[in-house]
Amino acid sequence: MIQCLIHEKLYRSESLSKIDFKEYVDDLVSGLFESYAVIESKVGLKVKADNISMRIDVAIPCGLIINELVSNSLKHAFPPGRKGEIEISMSSTSEDMIELKVRDNGVGIPEGI
C-alpha cells in the first residue's frame, strides 16, 4: 500500500523524485482508517505538517513508521466505548532535519509491559 501511494504521488507530482508529504500522510492514514473500519466520530485525526516535499528514499521509511504507529493506535488505544484522537505532526527543524511525532490519547500501555 505504501509503495503504491508513493508511486501515485510521484506520478501526480511536478517532480519525479519528491512528493508532498502532508498529502501522502493524509491518504495513507485515510486508507488505514478505512481498512480498520474506524468510525470518524469514535477516533479523530489531526495532521499538522509544514509544507514539506520529501525525497522518495525518505518518504517510504517515514510512511512505514507512521503506518505501524497508527495501526497500533487503531488496534489497541481505543477499546469499545472509548473515543479519542490520533495526531501526526511533522515540521522542519533545520535545512536537513525533520521532526515527526505520532501520538494518541488512548488507554496507554499497561503497567508491567
N, C-alpha and C. Protein backbone atom coordinates (compact mmCIF):
# COMPACT_ATOMS: atom_id res chain seq x y z
N MET A 1 0.82 -1.19 0.00
CA MET A 1 0.00 0.00 0.00
C MET A 1 0.87 1.26 0.00
N ILE A 2 1.91 1.26 0.82
CA ILE A 2 2.75 2.44 0.95
C ILE A 2 3.46 2.74 -0.36
N GLN A 3 4.05 1.72 -0.98
CA GLN A 3 4.76 1.96 -2.24
C GLN A 3 3.79 2.36 -3.34
N CYS A 4 2.58 1.81 -3.35
CA CYS A 4 1.58 2.21 -4.34
C CYS A 4 1.24 3.69 -4.18
N LEU A 5 1.06 4.13 -2.93
CA LEU A 5 0.77 5.54 -2.69
C LEU A 5 1.93 6.42 -3.14
N ILE A 6 3.14 6.00 -2.83
CA ILE A 6 4.32 6.76 -3.25
C ILE A 6 4.35 6.90 -4.76
N HIS A 7 4.16 5.80 -5.46
CA HIS A 7 4.19 5.85 -6.93
C HIS A 7 3.07 6.73 -7.48
N GLU A 8 1.89 6.65 -6.87
CA GLU A 8 0.79 7.50 -7.31
C GLU A 8 1.12 8.98 -7.09
N LYS A 9 1.69 9.30 -5.93
CA LYS A 9 2.05 10.69 -5.63
C LYS A 9 3.14 11.18 -6.57
N LEU A 10 4.12 10.34 -6.86
CA LEU A 10 5.18 10.74 -7.79
C LEU A 10 4.61 10.98 -9.18
N TYR A 11 3.70 10.13 -9.60
CA TYR A 11 3.09 10.27 -10.92
C TYR A 11 2.35 11.60 -11.04
N ARG A 12 1.69 12.01 -9.96
CA ARG A 12 0.92 13.26 -9.98
C ARG A 12 1.76 14.49 -9.63
N SER A 13 2.97 14.26 -9.18
CA SER A 13 3.84 15.35 -8.74
C SER A 13 4.51 16.03 -9.93
N GLU A 14 4.91 17.28 -9.69
CA GLU A 14 5.68 18.00 -10.71
C GLU A 14 7.08 17.42 -10.82
N SER A 15 7.57 16.86 -9.73
CA SER A 15 8.89 16.26 -9.70
C SER A 15 8.75 14.75 -9.62
N LEU A 16 9.64 14.03 -10.26
CA LEU A 16 9.59 12.58 -10.17
C LEU A 16 10.43 12.04 -9.01
N SER A 17 11.00 12.93 -8.21
CA SER A 17 11.84 12.46 -7.11
C SER A 17 11.33 12.90 -5.74
N LYS A 18 10.32 13.78 -5.68
CA LYS A 18 9.81 14.28 -4.40
C LYS A 18 8.29 14.27 -4.39
N ILE A 19 7.72 14.11 -3.18
CA ILE A 19 6.28 14.16 -3.03
C ILE A 19 5.91 15.13 -1.91
N ASP A 20 4.66 15.61 -1.93
CA ASP A 20 4.12 16.45 -0.86
C ASP A 20 3.79 15.50 0.29
N PHE A 21 4.51 15.62 1.40
CA PHE A 21 4.39 14.63 2.46
C PHE A 21 3.06 14.72 3.19
N LYS A 22 2.50 15.90 3.40
CA LYS A 22 1.22 16.01 4.09
C LYS A 22 0.13 15.29 3.31
N GLU A 23 0.10 15.49 2.02
CA GLU A 23 -0.89 14.83 1.17
C GLU A 23 -0.72 13.31 1.25
N TYR A 24 0.52 12.87 1.23
CA TYR A 24 0.82 11.44 1.33
C TYR A 24 0.32 10.87 2.67
N VAL A 25 0.60 11.57 3.77
CA VAL A 25 0.17 11.11 5.09
C VAL A 25 -1.36 11.10 5.17
N ASP A 26 -2.00 12.14 4.68
CA ASP A 26 -3.47 12.16 4.68
C ASP A 26 -4.04 10.93 3.98
N ASP A 27 -3.52 10.61 2.81
CA ASP A 27 -4.01 9.46 2.05
C ASP A 27 -3.68 8.14 2.75
N LEU A 28 -2.48 8.03 3.30
CA LEU A 28 -2.06 6.81 3.99
C LEU A 28 -2.96 6.54 5.18
N VAL A 29 -3.17 7.55 6.01
CA VAL A 29 -3.96 7.36 7.23
C VAL A 29 -5.44 7.16 6.90
N SER A 30 -5.94 7.84 5.88
CA SER A 30 -7.32 7.59 5.45
C SER A 30 -7.51 6.14 5.06
N GLY A 31 -6.54 5.58 4.36
CA GLY A 31 -6.60 4.18 3.99
C GLY A 31 -6.58 3.26 5.21
N LEU A 32 -5.79 3.61 6.22
CA LEU A 32 -5.76 2.81 7.45
C LEU A 32 -7.10 2.88 8.18
N PHE A 33 -7.67 4.07 8.30
CA PHE A 33 -8.96 4.23 8.96
C PHE A 33 -10.02 3.39 8.24
N GLU A 34 -9.95 3.39 6.92
CA GLU A 34 -10.91 2.63 6.13
C GLU A 34 -10.70 1.12 6.33
N SER A 35 -9.45 0.67 6.29
CA SER A 35 -9.19 -0.77 6.42
C SER A 35 -9.52 -1.29 7.82
N TYR A 36 -9.43 -0.45 8.85
CA TYR A 36 -9.80 -0.85 10.21
C TYR A 36 -11.25 -0.52 10.52
N ALA A 37 -11.98 -0.03 9.53
CA ALA A 37 -13.40 0.33 9.67
C ALA A 37 -13.62 1.25 10.88
N VAL A 38 -12.79 2.27 10.99
CA VAL A 38 -12.89 3.22 12.09
C VAL A 38 -13.98 4.24 11.79
N ILE A 39 -14.82 4.46 12.76
CA ILE A 39 -15.87 5.46 12.63
C ILE A 39 -15.28 6.80 13.06
N GLU A 40 -15.39 7.80 12.19
CA GLU A 40 -14.76 9.10 12.45
C GLU A 40 -15.24 9.74 13.75
N SER A 41 -16.47 9.46 14.16
CA SER A 41 -16.96 10.04 15.42
C SER A 41 -16.32 9.35 16.63
N LYS A 42 -15.71 8.19 16.43
CA LYS A 42 -15.04 7.48 17.52
C LYS A 42 -13.58 7.90 17.66
N VAL A 43 -12.86 7.95 16.55
CA VAL A 43 -11.44 8.31 16.59
C VAL A 43 -11.21 9.44 15.59
N GLY A 44 -10.78 10.58 16.11
CA GLY A 44 -10.48 11.73 15.26
C GLY A 44 -9.03 11.69 14.80
N LEU A 45 -8.75 12.48 13.81
CA LEU A 45 -7.39 12.56 13.27
C LEU A 45 -7.02 14.01 13.03
N LYS A 46 -5.83 14.37 13.47
CA LYS A 46 -5.25 15.68 13.18
C LYS A 46 -3.90 15.45 12.52
N VAL A 47 -3.71 16.05 11.36
CA VAL A 47 -2.41 16.00 10.70
C VAL A 47 -1.91 17.43 10.58
N LYS A 48 -0.81 17.71 11.24
CA LYS A 48 -0.18 19.03 11.16
C LYS A 48 1.17 18.84 10.49
N ALA A 49 1.34 19.47 9.37
CA ALA A 49 2.61 19.30 8.66
C ALA A 49 2.99 20.58 7.96
N ASP A 50 4.25 20.94 8.10
CA ASP A 50 4.77 22.06 7.32
C ASP A 50 4.68 21.69 5.85
N ASN A 51 4.88 22.65 5.00
CA ASN A 51 4.92 22.39 3.56
C ASN A 51 6.24 21.69 3.26
N ILE A 52 6.20 20.34 3.32
CA ILE A 52 7.41 19.55 3.18
C ILE A 52 7.32 18.68 1.93
N SER A 53 8.29 18.84 1.05
CA SER A 53 8.45 17.93 -0.08
C SER A 53 9.56 16.97 0.31
N MET A 54 9.29 15.70 0.15
CA MET A 54 10.23 14.71 0.64
C MET A 54 10.69 13.78 -0.49
N ARG A 55 11.97 13.46 -0.46
CA ARG A 55 12.51 12.51 -1.42
C ARG A 55 11.90 11.13 -1.17
N ILE A 56 11.78 10.36 -2.21
CA ILE A 56 11.17 9.03 -2.10
C ILE A 56 11.93 8.12 -1.14
N ASP A 57 13.27 8.22 -1.11
CA ASP A 57 14.05 7.35 -0.22
C ASP A 57 13.87 7.69 1.25
N VAL A 58 13.30 8.85 1.55
CA VAL A 58 12.99 9.24 2.92
C VAL A 58 11.50 9.01 3.20
N ALA A 59 10.66 9.26 2.21
CA ALA A 59 9.21 9.15 2.38
C ALA A 59 8.77 7.72 2.68
N ILE A 60 9.38 6.74 2.03
CA ILE A 60 8.96 5.35 2.24
C ILE A 60 9.20 4.90 3.68
N PRO A 61 10.40 5.08 4.26
CA PRO A 61 10.58 4.68 5.66
C PRO A 61 9.67 5.47 6.63
N CYS A 62 9.48 6.76 6.37
CA CYS A 62 8.58 7.54 7.23
C CYS A 62 7.15 7.01 7.13
N GLY A 63 6.73 6.66 5.92
CA GLY A 63 5.41 6.08 5.73
C GLY A 63 5.25 4.77 6.47
N LEU A 64 6.29 3.93 6.46
CA LEU A 64 6.24 2.66 7.18
C LEU A 64 6.11 2.89 8.69
N ILE A 65 6.85 3.84 9.21
CA ILE A 65 6.79 4.16 10.64
C ILE A 65 5.40 4.66 11.01
N ILE A 66 4.87 5.60 10.23
CA ILE A 66 3.53 6.13 10.50
C ILE A 66 2.50 5.01 10.40
N ASN A 67 2.62 4.16 9.39
CA ASN A 67 1.69 3.05 9.21
C ASN A 67 1.66 2.16 10.47
N GLU A 68 2.82 1.80 10.98
CA GLU A 68 2.89 0.93 12.16
C GLU A 68 2.32 1.61 13.40
N LEU A 69 2.69 2.87 13.63
CA LEU A 69 2.24 3.56 14.82
C LEU A 69 0.73 3.81 14.81
N VAL A 70 0.20 4.24 13.67
CA VAL A 70 -1.24 4.48 13.57
C VAL A 70 -2.00 3.17 13.65
N SER A 71 -1.50 2.12 13.01
CA SER A 71 -2.14 0.81 13.09
C SER A 71 -2.21 0.34 14.54
N ASN A 72 -1.13 0.48 15.28
CA ASN A 72 -1.12 0.09 16.69
C ASN A 72 -2.13 0.89 17.50
N SER A 73 -2.21 2.18 17.23
CA SER A 73 -3.19 3.01 17.93
C SER A 73 -4.61 2.54 17.62
N LEU A 74 -4.89 2.30 16.36
CA LEU A 74 -6.24 1.89 15.98
C LEU A 74 -6.60 0.52 16.56
N LYS A 75 -5.62 -0.37 16.70
CA LYS A 75 -5.89 -1.71 17.23
C LYS A 75 -6.01 -1.73 18.75
N HIS A 76 -5.21 -0.89 19.45
CA HIS A 76 -5.08 -1.07 20.89
C HIS A 76 -5.48 0.12 21.75
N ALA A 77 -5.44 1.33 21.23
CA ALA A 77 -5.60 2.51 22.09
C ALA A 77 -7.04 2.85 22.42
N PHE A 78 -7.97 2.38 21.60
CA PHE A 78 -9.36 2.79 21.77
C PHE A 78 -10.28 1.58 21.85
N PRO A 79 -10.41 0.98 23.05
CA PRO A 79 -11.30 -0.17 23.19
C PRO A 79 -12.76 0.26 22.99
N PRO A 80 -13.66 -0.70 22.84
CA PRO A 80 -15.07 -0.34 22.63
C PRO A 80 -15.57 0.68 23.66
N GLY A 81 -16.24 1.70 23.15
CA GLY A 81 -16.79 2.75 24.01
C GLY A 81 -15.85 3.90 24.29
N ARG A 82 -14.60 3.78 23.89
CA ARG A 82 -13.63 4.85 24.16
C ARG A 82 -13.39 5.66 22.89
N LYS A 83 -13.65 6.97 22.99
CA LYS A 83 -13.36 7.88 21.89
C LYS A 83 -11.97 8.45 22.07
N GLY A 84 -11.40 8.96 21.00
CA GLY A 84 -10.07 9.53 21.11
C GLY A 84 -9.63 10.21 19.85
N GLU A 85 -8.34 10.50 19.84
CA GLU A 85 -7.77 11.22 18.70
C GLU A 85 -6.33 10.77 18.47
N ILE A 86 -5.98 10.70 17.20
CA ILE A 86 -4.60 10.44 16.80
C ILE A 86 -4.09 11.72 16.15
N GLU A 87 -2.89 12.11 16.53
CA GLU A 87 -2.29 13.32 15.97
C GLU A 87 -0.93 12.99 15.35
N ILE A 88 -0.74 13.46 14.15
CA ILE A 88 0.53 13.30 13.45
C ILE A 88 1.04 14.70 13.13
N SER A 89 2.26 14.99 13.55
CA SER A 89 2.82 16.31 13.22
C SER A 89 4.21 16.12 12.64
N MET A 90 4.51 16.99 11.72
CA MET A 90 5.81 16.96 11.06
C MET A 90 6.25 18.38 10.79
N SER A 91 7.48 18.68 11.17
CA SER A 91 7.98 20.03 10.93
C SER A 91 9.48 19.98 10.64
N SER A 92 9.93 20.96 9.89
CA SER A 92 11.35 21.10 9.60
C SER A 92 12.01 21.75 10.80
N THR A 93 13.06 21.12 11.31
CA THR A 93 13.78 21.71 12.44
C THR A 93 15.05 22.40 11.97
N SER A 94 15.51 22.02 10.79
CA SER A 94 16.65 22.68 10.15
C SER A 94 16.59 22.32 8.68
N GLU A 95 17.56 22.76 7.93
CA GLU A 95 17.55 22.51 6.49
C GLU A 95 17.51 21.02 6.14
N ASP A 96 18.18 20.20 6.96
CA ASP A 96 18.24 18.77 6.64
C ASP A 96 17.66 17.87 7.73
N MET A 97 16.84 18.44 8.62
CA MET A 97 16.23 17.65 9.70
C MET A 97 14.72 17.88 9.74
N ILE A 98 13.99 16.80 9.95
CA ILE A 98 12.54 16.86 10.07
C ILE A 98 12.16 16.13 11.35
N GLU A 99 11.24 16.72 12.11
CA GLU A 99 10.75 16.09 13.33
C GLU A 99 9.37 15.51 13.05
N LEU A 100 9.19 14.23 13.33
CA LEU A 100 7.93 13.54 13.13
C LEU A 100 7.42 13.07 14.49
N LYS A 101 6.16 13.39 14.79
CA LYS A 101 5.53 12.94 16.03
C LYS A 101 4.21 12.27 15.69
N VAL A 102 3.98 11.13 16.31
CA VAL A 102 2.70 10.43 16.19
C VAL A 102 2.27 10.13 17.61
N ARG A 103 1.07 10.59 17.97
CA ARG A 103 0.59 10.36 19.34
C ARG A 103 -0.91 10.13 19.33
N ASP A 104 -1.38 9.50 20.40
CA ASP A 104 -2.82 9.34 20.57
C ASP A 104 -3.14 9.58 22.05
N ASN A 105 -4.42 9.74 22.34
CA ASN A 105 -4.84 9.92 23.73
C ASN A 105 -5.65 8.71 24.19
N GLY A 106 -5.20 7.54 23.76
CA GLY A 106 -5.87 6.28 24.12
C GLY A 106 -5.52 5.81 25.50
N VAL A 107 -5.76 4.53 25.74
CA VAL A 107 -5.62 3.95 27.09
C VAL A 107 -4.18 3.85 27.56
N GLY A 108 -3.23 3.89 26.68
CA GLY A 108 -1.83 3.80 27.08
C GLY A 108 -1.38 2.35 27.19
N ILE A 109 -0.14 2.18 27.54
CA ILE A 109 0.46 0.85 27.67
C ILE A 109 0.26 0.38 29.11
N PRO A 110 -0.26 -0.83 29.29
CA PRO A 110 -0.47 -1.34 30.66
C PRO A 110 0.83 -1.44 31.42
N GLU A 111 0.75 -1.22 32.74
CA GLU A 111 1.95 -1.37 33.57
C GLU A 111 2.43 -2.81 33.51
N GLY A 112 3.72 -2.98 33.61
CA GLY A 112 4.30 -4.30 33.58
C GLY A 112 4.77 -4.72 32.19
N ILE A 113 4.48 -3.93 31.19
CA ILE A 113 4.94 -4.25 29.84
C ILE A 113 6.18 -3.45 29.56
